PDB file of N, CA and C in Angstrom:
ATOM      1  N   MET A   1     -20.711  -0.716   3.411  1.00  0.00           N
ATOM      2  CA  MET A   1     -19.184   0.237   4.081  1.00  0.00           C
ATOM      3  C   MET A   1     -19.147   1.453   4.762  1.00  0.00           C
ATOM      4  N   ARG A   2     -18.440   1.516   6.469  1.00  0.00           N
ATOM      5  CA  ARG A   2     -18.591   2.468   6.807  1.00  0.00           C
ATOM      6  C   ARG A   2     -17.651   3.394   7.044  1.00  0.00           C
ATOM      7  N   ALA A   3     -17.873   4.951   6.995  1.00  0.00           N
ATOM      8  CA  ALA A   3     -16.880   5.639   7.013  1.00  0.00           C
ATOM      9  C   ALA A   3     -17.098   6.194   8.432  1.00  0.00           C
ATOM     10  N   ASN A   4     -16.656   7.137   9.357  1.00  0.00           N
ATOM     11  CA  ASN A   4     -16.038   8.349   9.714  1.00  0.00           C
ATOM     12  C   ASN A   4     -15.651   9.678   9.677  1.00  0.00           C
ATOM     13  N   LEU A   5     -17.292  10.250   9.016  1.00  0.00           N
ATOM     14  CA  LEU A   5     -16.978  11.674   9.158  1.00  0.00           C
ATOM     15  C   LEU A   5     -15.839  12.490   9.530  1.00  0.00           C
ATOM     16  N   ALA A   6     -16.007  12.301  10.666  1.00  0.00           N
ATOM     17  CA  ALA A   6     -15.513  13.263  11.666  1.00  0.00           C
ATOM     18  C   ALA A   6     -14.047  13.286  11.370  1.00  0.00           C
ATOM     19  N   ALA A   7     -13.069  11.722  11.112  1.00  0.00           N
ATOM     20  CA  ALA A   7     -11.834  11.564  10.574  1.00  0.00           C
ATOM     21  C   ALA A   7     -11.649  12.238   9.339  1.00  0.00           C
ATOM     22  N   GLY A   8     -12.760  11.810   8.310  1.00  0.00           N
ATOM     23  CA  GLY A   8     -12.337  12.350   7.039  1.00  0.00           C
ATOM     24  C   GLY A   8     -12.711  13.901   7.014  1.00  0.00           C
ATOM     25  N   LYS A   9     -13.650  14.261   7.540  1.00  0.00           N
ATOM     26  CA  LYS A   9     -13.046  15.870   7.649  1.00  0.00           C
ATOM     27  C   LYS A   9     -11.789  16.372   8.282  1.00  0.00           C
ATOM     28  N   ALA A  10     -11.174  15.749   9.272  1.00  0.00           N
ATOM     29  CA  ALA A  10     -10.219  16.172  10.019  1.00  0.00           C
ATOM     30  C   ALA A  10      -9.089  16.472   9.231  1.00  0.00           C
ATOM     31  N   TRP A  11      -9.399  14.796   7.914  1.00  0.00           N
ATOM     32  CA  TRP A  11      -8.110  14.522   7.309  1.00  0.00           C
ATOM     33  C   TRP A  11      -7.865  15.782   5.772  1.00  0.00           C
ATOM     34  N   GLU A  12      -8.855  16.080   5.752  1.00  0.00           N
ATOM     35  CA  GLU A  12      -9.217  17.049   3.953  1.00  0.00           C
ATOM     36  C   GLU A  12      -9.148  18.667   5.165  1.00  0.00           C
ATOM     37  N   GLY A  13      -9.096  18.792   6.114  1.00  0.00           N
ATOM     38  CA  GLY A  13      -9.213  19.869   6.801  1.00  0.00           C
ATOM     39  C   GLY A  13      -7.694  20.397   6.931  1.00  0.00           C
ATOM     40  N   GLY A  14      -6.725  19.257   6.786  1.00  0.00           N
ATOM     41  CA  GLY A  14      -5.190  19.422   6.672  1.00  0.00           C
ATOM     42  C   GLY A  14      -4.358  18.925   7.788  1.00  0.00           C
ATOM     43  N   LEU A  15      -5.422  17.984   8.211  1.00  0.00           N
ATOM     44  CA  LEU A  15      -4.571  16.454   9.192  1.00  0.00           C
ATOM     45  C   LEU A  15      -3.379  16.546   8.063  1.00  0.00           C
ATOM     46  N   TYR A  16      -3.713  16.247   7.219  1.00  0.00           N
ATOM     47  CA  TYR A  16      -2.130  15.255   6.215  1.00  0.00           C
ATOM     48  C   TYR A  16      -1.014  15.976   6.403  1.00  0.00           C
ATOM     49  N   GLN A  17      -1.582  17.186   6.090  1.00  0.00           N
ATOM     50  CA  GLN A  17      -0.651  17.994   5.744  1.00  0.00           C
ATOM     51  C   GLN A  17       1.207  18.060   6.859  1.00  0.00           C
ATOM     52  N   SER A  18       0.524  17.401   8.192  1.00  0.00           N
ATOM     53  CA  SER A  18       0.597  17.380   9.565  1.00  0.00           C
ATOM     54  C   SER A  18       1.488  16.462   9.965  1.00  0.00           C
ATOM     55  N   VAL A  19       1.028  14.972   8.941  1.00  0.00           N
ATOM     56  CA  VAL A  19       1.245  13.786   9.373  1.00  0.00           C
ATOM     57  C   VAL A  19       2.270  13.300   8.382  1.00  0.00           C
ATOM     58  N   ASP A  20       3.620  12.786   8.627  1.00  0.00           N
ATOM     59  CA  ASP A  20       4.964  12.538   8.022  1.00  0.00           C
ATOM     60  C   ASP A  20       5.016  11.433   8.558  1.00  0.00           C
ATOM     61  N   LEU A  21       5.118   9.637   9.088  1.00  0.00           N
ATOM     62  CA  LEU A  21       4.761   8.350   8.993  1.00  0.00           C
ATOM     63  C   LEU A  21       6.467   7.569   8.487  1.00  0.00           C
ATOM     64  N   ARG A  22       7.193   8.741   7.629  1.00  0.00           N
ATOM     65  CA  ARG A  22       8.336   8.123   6.920  1.00  0.00           C
ATOM     66  C   ARG A  22       9.167   7.943   7.931  1.00  0.00           C
ATOM     67  N   PRO A  23       9.289   8.511   8.494  1.00  0.00           N
ATOM     68  CA  PRO A  23      10.528   8.169   9.125  1.00  0.00           C
ATOM     69  C   PRO A  23      10.990   7.159  10.272  1.00  0.00           C
ATOM     70  N   LEU A  24       9.116   6.636  10.706  1.00  0.00           N
ATOM     71  CA  LEU A  24       9.505   5.606  11.267  1.00  0.00           C
ATOM     72  C   LEU A  24       9.433   4.037  10.093  1.00  0.00           C
ATOM     73  N   LEU A  25       9.625   4.225   9.258  1.00  0.00           N
ATOM     74  CA  LEU A  25       9.551   3.000   7.874  1.00  0.00           C
ATOM     75  C   LEU A  25      10.371   2.680   8.319  1.00  0.00           C
ATOM     76  N   GLY A  26      11.724   2.934   8.640  1.00  0.00           N
ATOM     77  CA  GLY A  26      12.697   1.882   8.717  1.00  0.00           C
ATOM     78  C   GLY A  26      13.036   0.649  10.169  1.00  0.00           C
ATOM     79  N   ARG A  27      11.858   1.417  11.193  1.00  0.00           N
ATOM     80  CA  ARG A  27      11.533   0.502  12.177  1.00  0.00           C
ATOM     81  C   ARG A  27      10.794  -0.926  11.636  1.00  0.00           C
ATOM     82  N   ILE A  28      10.104  -0.954  10.737  1.00  0.00           N
ATOM     83  CA  ILE A  28       9.755  -2.684  10.650  1.00  0.00           C
ATOM     84  C   ILE A  28      10.160  -3.176  10.164  1.00  0.00           C
ATOM     85  N   THR A  29       9.959  -4.531  10.661  1.00  0.00           N
ATOM     86  CA  THR A  29      10.609  -5.827  10.694  1.00  0.00           C
ATOM     87  C   THR A  29       9.825  -6.594  10.406  1.00  0.00           C
ATOM     88  N   SER A  30       8.723  -6.285  10.402  1.00  0.00           N
ATOM     89  CA  SER A  30       7.825  -7.522   9.829  1.00  0.00           C
ATOM     90  C   SER A  30       7.417  -7.795   8.515  1.00  0.00           C
ATOM     91  N   PRO A  31       7.886  -9.130   7.931  1.00  0.00           N
ATOM     92  CA  PRO A  31       7.639  -9.431   6.374  1.00  0.00           C
ATOM     93  C   PRO A  31       6.061  -8.318   6.236  1.00  0.00           C
ATOM     94  N   THR A  32       6.426  -7.175   4.755  1.00  0.00           N
ATOM     95  CA  THR A  32       5.938  -5.770   4.118  1.00  0.00           C
ATOM     96  C   THR A  32       5.354  -5.998   2.645  1.00  0.00           C
ATOM     97  N   LEU A  33       3.948  -6.092   2.375  1.00  0.00           N
ATOM     98  CA  LEU A  33       3.694  -6.468   1.140  1.00  0.00           C
ATOM     99  C   LEU A  33       3.063  -5.161   1.318  1.00  0.00           C
ATOM    100  N   ILE A  34       3.725  -4.240  -0.140  1.00  0.00           N
ATOM    101  CA  ILE A  34       2.804  -2.856   0.091  1.00  0.00           C
ATOM    102  C   ILE A  34       2.462  -3.101  -1.178  1.00  0.00           C
ATOM    103  N   VAL A  35       0.911  -2.628  -2.014  1.00  0.00           N
ATOM    104  CA  VAL A  35       0.670  -2.882  -3.038  1.00  0.00           C
ATOM    105  C   VAL A  35      -0.146  -1.467  -3.542  1.00  0.00           C
ATOM    106  N   ALA A  36       0.271  -0.890  -4.467  1.00  0.00           N
ATOM    107  CA  ALA A  36      -0.516   0.383  -4.631  1.00  0.00           C
ATOM    108  C   ALA A  36      -0.666   0.365  -6.432  1.00  0.00           C
ATOM    109  N   GLY A  37      -1.895   1.329  -6.917  1.00  0.00           N
ATOM    110  CA  GLY A  37      -2.106   1.305  -8.229  1.00  0.00           C
ATOM    111  C   GLY A  37      -1.345   1.914  -9.134  1.00  0.00           C
ATOM    112  N   GLU A  38      -1.217   1.704  -9.839  1.00  0.00           N
ATOM    113  CA  GLU A  38       0.548   2.738 -10.870  1.00  0.00           C
ATOM    114  C   GLU A  38      -1.018   3.617 -11.656  1.00  0.00           C
ATOM    115  N   LEU A  39      -2.070   3.991 -11.582  1.00  0.00           N
ATOM    116  CA  LEU A  39      -2.438   5.232 -11.735  1.00  0.00           C
ATOM    117  C   LEU A  39      -2.808   5.937 -10.089  1.00  0.00           C
ATOM    118  N   ASP A  40      -2.606   5.878  -9.532  1.00  0.00           N
ATOM    119  CA  ASP A  40      -3.110   5.742  -8.477  1.00  0.00           C
ATOM    120  C   ASP A  40      -2.601   7.719  -8.565  1.00  0.00           C
ATOM    121  N   PHE A  41      -3.220   8.763  -8.495  1.00  0.00           N
ATOM    122  CA  PHE A  41      -3.286   9.734  -8.425  1.00  0.00           C
ATOM    123  C   PHE A  41      -2.248  10.583  -6.783  1.00  0.00           C
ATOM    124  N   ILE A  42      -3.200  10.125  -5.966  1.00  0.00           N
ATOM    125  CA  ILE A  42      -2.653  10.545  -4.895  1.00  0.00           C
ATOM    126  C   ILE A  42      -1.436   9.362  -3.982  1.00  0.00           C
ATOM    127  N   CYS A  43      -1.702   8.451  -4.001  1.00  0.00           N
ATOM    128  CA  CYS A  43      -0.460   7.675  -3.859  1.00  0.00           C
ATOM    129  C   CYS A  43       0.053   6.315  -4.399  1.00  0.00           C
ATOM    130  N   GLY A  44       0.610   6.807  -5.219  1.00  0.00           N
ATOM    131  CA  GLY A  44       1.186   5.834  -6.518  1.00  0.00           C
ATOM    132  C   GLY A  44       2.440   5.468  -6.158  1.00  0.00           C
ATOM    133  N   SER A  45       3.081   5.515  -7.555  1.00  0.00           N
ATOM    134  CA  SER A  45       4.507   4.680  -7.784  1.00  0.00           C
ATOM    135  C   SER A  45       5.617   5.555  -6.836  1.00  0.00           C
ATOM    136  N   ALA A  46       5.510   6.841  -7.160  1.00  0.00           N
ATOM    137  CA  ALA A  46       6.084   8.257  -6.603  1.00  0.00           C
ATOM    138  C   ALA A  46       5.894   8.194  -4.973  1.00  0.00           C
ATOM    139  N   GLN A  47       5.139   7.657  -4.301  1.00  0.00           N
ATOM    140  CA  GLN A  47       5.113   7.293  -3.093  1.00  0.00           C
ATOM    141  C   GLN A  47       5.330   6.277  -2.862  1.00  0.00           C
ATOM    142  N   ALA A  48       4.893   5.048  -3.740  1.00  0.00           N
ATOM    143  CA  ALA A  48       4.945   3.939  -2.815  1.00  0.00           C
ATOM    144  C   ALA A  48       6.261   2.867  -3.082  1.00  0.00           C
ATOM    145  N   ARG A  49       7.210   3.554  -3.964  1.00  0.00           N
ATOM    146  CA  ARG A  49       8.514   3.506  -4.334  1.00  0.00           C
ATOM    147  C   ARG A  49       9.331   3.495  -3.347  1.00  0.00           C
ATOM    148  N   PRO A  50       9.178   4.879  -2.178  1.00  0.00           N
ATOM    149  CA  PRO A  50      10.044   5.028  -1.342  1.00  0.00           C
ATOM    150  C   PRO A  50       9.458   4.731  -0.063  1.00  0.00           C
ATOM    151  N   ILE A  51       8.665   4.504  -0.180  1.00  0.00           N
ATOM    152  CA  ILE A  51       7.912   3.387   1.126  1.00  0.00           C
ATOM    153  C   ILE A  51       8.654   2.195   0.912  1.00  0.00           C
ATOM    154  N   ALA A  52       8.851   1.636  -0.407  1.00  0.00           N
ATOM    155  CA  ALA A  52       9.342  -0.128  -0.090  1.00  0.00           C
ATOM    156  C   ALA A  52      10.534  -0.111   0.012  1.00  0.00           C
ATOM    157  N   ALA A  53      11.330   1.337  -0.057  1.00  0.00           N
ATOM    158  CA  ALA A  53      12.673   1.415  -0.312  1.00  0.00           C
ATOM    159  C   ALA A  53      13.162   1.287   0.998  1.00  0.00           C
ATOM    160  N   ALA A  54      12.318   2.056   1.924  1.00  0.00           N
ATOM    161  CA  ALA A  54      12.686   2.597   3.273  1.00  0.00           C
ATOM    162  C   ALA A  54      12.069   1.133   4.491  1.00  0.00           C
ATOM    163  N   VAL A  55      11.206   0.330   3.998  1.00  0.00           N
ATOM    164  CA  VAL A  55      11.086  -0.923   4.892  1.00  0.00           C
ATOM    165  C   VAL A  55      11.983  -1.776   4.355  1.00  0.00           C
ATOM    166  N   THR A  56      13.126  -2.369   4.883  1.00  0.00           N
ATOM    167  CA  THR A  56      13.851  -3.408   4.909  1.00  0.00           C
ATOM    168  C   THR A  56      12.920  -4.819   4.622  1.00  0.00           C
ATOM    169  N   GLY A  57      13.284  -5.320   3.315  1.00  0.00           N
ATOM    170  CA  GLY A  57      12.678  -6.939   3.090  1.00  0.00           C
ATOM    171  C   GLY A  57      11.406  -6.498   2.582  1.00  0.00           C
ATOM    172  N   SER A  58      10.590  -5.358   2.241  1.00  0.00           N
ATOM    173  CA  SER A  58       9.678  -5.491   1.745  1.00  0.00           C
ATOM    174  C   SER A  58       9.045  -5.868   0.140  1.00  0.00           C
ATOM    175  N   GLN A  59       8.257  -5.860   0.283  1.00  0.00           N
ATOM    176  CA  GLN A  59       7.539  -6.718  -1.625  1.00  0.00           C
ATOM    177  C   GLN A  59       6.528  -5.402  -1.791  1.00  0.00           C
ATOM    178  N   LEU A  60       7.263  -5.092  -3.092  1.00  0.00           N
ATOM    179  CA  LEU A  60       6.298  -3.310  -3.392  1.00  0.00           C
ATOM    180  C   LEU A  60       5.255  -4.288  -4.960  1.00  0.00           C
ATOM    181  N   VAL A  61       4.173  -3.944  -5.171  1.00  0.00           N
ATOM    182  CA  VAL A  61       3.233  -4.784  -6.237  1.00  0.00           C
ATOM    183  C   VAL A  61       2.740  -3.788  -6.651  1.00  0.00           C
ATOM    184  N   MET A  62       2.971  -3.259  -7.749  1.00  0.00           N
ATOM    185  CA  MET A  62       1.993  -2.200  -8.644  1.00  0.00           C
ATOM    186  C   MET A  62       1.217  -2.941  -9.588  1.00  0.00           C
ATOM    187  N   LEU A  63      -0.067  -2.858  -9.182  1.00  0.00           N
ATOM    188  CA  LEU A  63      -1.365  -3.203 -10.396  1.00  0.00           C
ATOM    189  C   LEU A  63      -1.608  -1.633 -11.413  1.00  0.00           C
ATOM    190  N   ALA A  64      -1.415  -2.944 -12.452  1.00  0.00           N
ATOM    191  CA  ALA A  64      -1.326  -1.872 -13.840  1.00  0.00           C
ATOM    192  C   ALA A  64      -2.859  -1.176 -14.026  1.00  0.00           C
ATOM    193  N   GLY A  65      -2.970  -0.364 -14.300  1.00  0.00           N
ATOM    194  CA  GLY A  65      -4.452  -0.113 -15.040  1.00  0.00           C
ATOM    195  C   GLY A  65      -5.408   0.466 -13.468  1.00  0.00           C
ATOM    196  N   CYS A  66      -4.695   0.512 -12.146  1.00  0.00           N
ATOM    197  CA  CYS A  66      -5.414   0.858 -10.966  1.00  0.00           C
ATOM    198  C   CYS A  66      -5.426   1.959 -10.476  1.00  0.00           C
ATOM    199  N   GLY A  67      -6.414   2.525  -9.855  1.00  0.00           N
ATOM    200  CA  GLY A  67      -6.298   3.882  -8.975  1.00  0.00           C
ATOM    201  C   GLY A  67      -5.679   3.735  -7.740  1.00  0.00           C
ATOM    202  N   HIS A  68      -6.575   4.415  -6.751  1.00  0.00           N
ATOM    203  CA  HIS A  68      -6.274   4.846  -5.887  1.00  0.00           C
ATOM    204  C   HIS A  68      -6.854   2.998  -4.698  1.00  0.00           C
ATOM    205  N   ILE A  69      -7.423   2.397  -5.092  1.00  0.00           N
ATOM    206  CA  ILE A  69      -8.561   1.560  -4.031  1.00  0.00           C
ATOM    207  C   ILE A  69      -8.545   0.110  -5.162  1.00  0.00           C
ATOM    208  N   PRO A  70      -7.162  -0.130  -4.815  1.00  0.00           N
ATOM    209  CA  PRO A  70      -6.626  -1.845  -4.961  1.00  0.00           C
ATOM    210  C   PRO A  70      -7.856  -3.361  -5.126  1.00  0.00           C
ATOM    211  N   SER A  71      -8.100  -2.700  -4.162  1.00  0.00           N
ATOM    212  CA  SER A  71      -8.929  -4.116  -3.528  1.00  0.00           C
ATOM    213  C   SER A  71     -10.210  -3.584  -4.083  1.00  0.00           C
ATOM    214  N   ILE A  72     -10.492  -3.053  -4.096  1.00  0.00           N
ATOM    215  CA  ILE A  72     -11.723  -2.314  -5.003  1.00  0.00           C
ATOM    216  C   ILE A  72     -11.907  -2.444  -6.408  1.00  0.00           C
ATOM    217  N   GLU A  73     -11.098  -1.546  -7.300  1.00  0.00           N
ATOM    218  CA  GLU A  73     -10.774  -1.580  -8.416  1.00  0.00           C
ATOM    219  C   GLU A  73     -10.233  -2.503  -9.051  1.00  0.00           C
ATOM    220  N   ALA A  74      -9.577  -3.307  -8.449  1.00  0.00           N
ATOM    221  CA  ALA A  74      -8.273  -4.474  -8.878  1.00  0.00           C
ATOM    222  C   ALA A  74      -8.520  -6.126  -8.171  1.00  0.00           C
ATOM    223  N   PRO A  75      -9.686  -6.259  -7.830  1.00  0.00           N
ATOM    224  CA  PRO A  75      -9.648  -7.121  -6.361  1.00  0.00           C
ATOM    225  C   PRO A  75      -9.624  -8.266  -6.735  1.00  0.00           C
ATOM    226  N   GLN A  76      -9.543  -8.747  -7.998  1.00  0.00           N
ATOM    227  CA  GLN A  76      -8.544 -10.258  -8.419  1.00  0.00           C
ATOM    228  C   GLN A  76      -7.462 -10.444  -8.121  1.00  0.00           C
ATOM    229  N   GLU A  77      -6.452  -9.126  -8.491  1.00  0.00           N
ATOM    230  CA  GLU A  77      -5.178  -8.876  -8.660  1.00  0.00           C
ATOM    231  C   GLU A  77      -4.680  -8.495  -7.310  1.00  0.00           C
ATOM    232  N   TYR A  78      -5.299  -7.563  -6.262  1.00  0.00           N
ATOM    233  CA  TYR A  78      -4.991  -7.747  -5.082  1.00  0.00           C
ATOM    234  C   TYR A  78      -5.253  -8.840  -4.240  1.00  0.00           C
ATOM    235  N   ARG A  79      -6.200 -10.007  -4.212  1.00  0.00           N
ATOM    236  CA  ARG A  79      -6.306 -10.699  -3.744  1.00  0.00           C
ATOM    237  C   ARG A  79      -4.876 -12.052  -4.283  1.00  0.00           C
ATOM    238  N   GLN A  80      -4.402 -11.628  -5.437  1.00  0.00           N
ATOM    239  CA  GLN A  80      -3.577 -12.274  -5.817  1.00  0.00           C
ATOM    240  C   GLN A  80      -2.021 -12.270  -4.987  1.00  0.00           C
ATOM    241  N   ALA A  81      -2.464 -11.033  -5.308  1.00  0.00           N
ATOM    242  CA  ALA A  81      -0.823 -10.425  -4.440  1.00  0.00           C
ATOM    243  C   ALA A  81      -0.843 -10.683  -3.070  1.00  0.00           C
ATOM    244  N   VAL A  82      -1.640 -10.875  -2.558  1.00  0.00           N
ATOM    245  CA  VAL A  82      -2.060 -10.678  -1.386  1.00  0.00           C
ATOM    246  C   VAL A  82      -1.416 -12.410  -0.947  1.00  0.00           C
ATOM    247  N   ALA A  83      -2.127 -13.627  -1.527  1.00  0.00           N
ATOM    248  CA  ALA A  83      -2.256 -14.434  -1.463  1.00  0.00           C
ATOM    249  C   ALA A  83      -0.395 -15.090  -1.796  1.00  0.00           C
ATOM    250  N   ASP A  84       0.093 -14.300  -3.237  1.00  0.00           N
ATOM    251  CA  ASP A  84       0.617 -14.731  -3.249  1.00  0.00           C
ATOM    252  C   ASP A  84       1.934 -13.973  -1.819  1.00  0.00           C
ATOM    253  N   PHE A  85       1.936 -13.009  -1.373  1.00  0.00           N
ATOM    254  CA  PHE A  85       3.021 -12.800  -0.180  1.00  0.00           C
ATOM    255  C   PHE A  85       2.654 -13.633   0.791  1.00  0.00           C
ATOM    256  N   LEU A  86       1.139 -13.906   1.297  1.00  0.00           N
ATOM    257  CA  LEU A  86       1.121 -15.057   2.800  1.00  0.00           C
ATOM    258  C   LEU A  86       1.613 -16.552   2.188  1.00  0.00           C
ATOM    259  N   LEU A  87       1.512 -16.920   0.840  1.00  0.00           N
ATOM    260  CA  LEU A  87       1.453 -18.276   0.847  1.00  0.00           C
ATOM    261  C   LEU A  87       2.713 -18.055  -0.848  1.00  0.00           C
ATOM    262  N   PRO A  88       3.721 -18.229  -0.241  1.00  0.00           N
ATOM    263  CA  PRO A  88       4.720 -17.953  -1.997  1.00  0.00           C
ATOM    264  C   PRO A  88       4.991 -19.595  -1.894  1.00  0.00           C
ATOM    265  N   ALA A  89       5.533 -19.177  -3.477  1.00  0.00           N
ATOM    266  CA  ALA A  89       5.528 -20.709  -3.809  1.00  0.00           C
ATOM    267  C   ALA A  89       6.370 -21.801  -3.338  1.00  0.00           C
ATOM    268  N   ARG A  90       5.732 -23.364  -3.559  1.00  0.00           N
ATOM    269  CA  ARG A  90       6.381 -24.431  -2.771  1.00  0.00           C
ATOM    270  C   ARG A  90       8.057 -24.544  -3.590  1.00  0.00           C
ATOM    271  N   GLN A  91       8.870 -24.578  -3.018  1.00  0.00           N
ATOM    272  CA  GLN A  91      10.033 -25.119  -3.986  1.00  0.00           C
ATOM    273  C   GLN A  91       9.974 -26.363  -4.173  1.00  0.00           C
ATOM    274  N   PRO A  92      10.458 -26.790  -5.098  1.00  0.00           N
ATOM    275  CA  PRO A  92      10.419 -28.313  -5.684  1.00  0.00           C
ATOM    276  C   PRO A  92      11.067 -29.453  -4.984  1.00  0.00           C
ATOM    277  N   GLN A  93      10.729 -30.413  -4.817  1.00  0.00           N
ATOM    278  CA  GLN A  93      11.814 -31.163  -3.300  1.00  0.00           C
ATOM    279  C   GLN A  93      12.392 -32.599  -4.175  1.00  0.00           C
TER     280      GLN A  93
END
């Protein structure tokens, strides 16, 4: 995994305090999956729920026992959530 150190330093240097994209969430018209860890102290349910509410028709999945990086901390549950979103169960014929 590679990280952009300049971007990380800018973010930690206070950039996060001046960036707020929440007013733009209502413009999203594509199907949207929001995955968050219930134990995420940075972007947990307190942030994920309002984001999901602002994106019309979005689907929110909260992963139990998971923190800030669901794809690493709970890879199977994360992959299942993405697969379920992309390939919804077929309706009986």
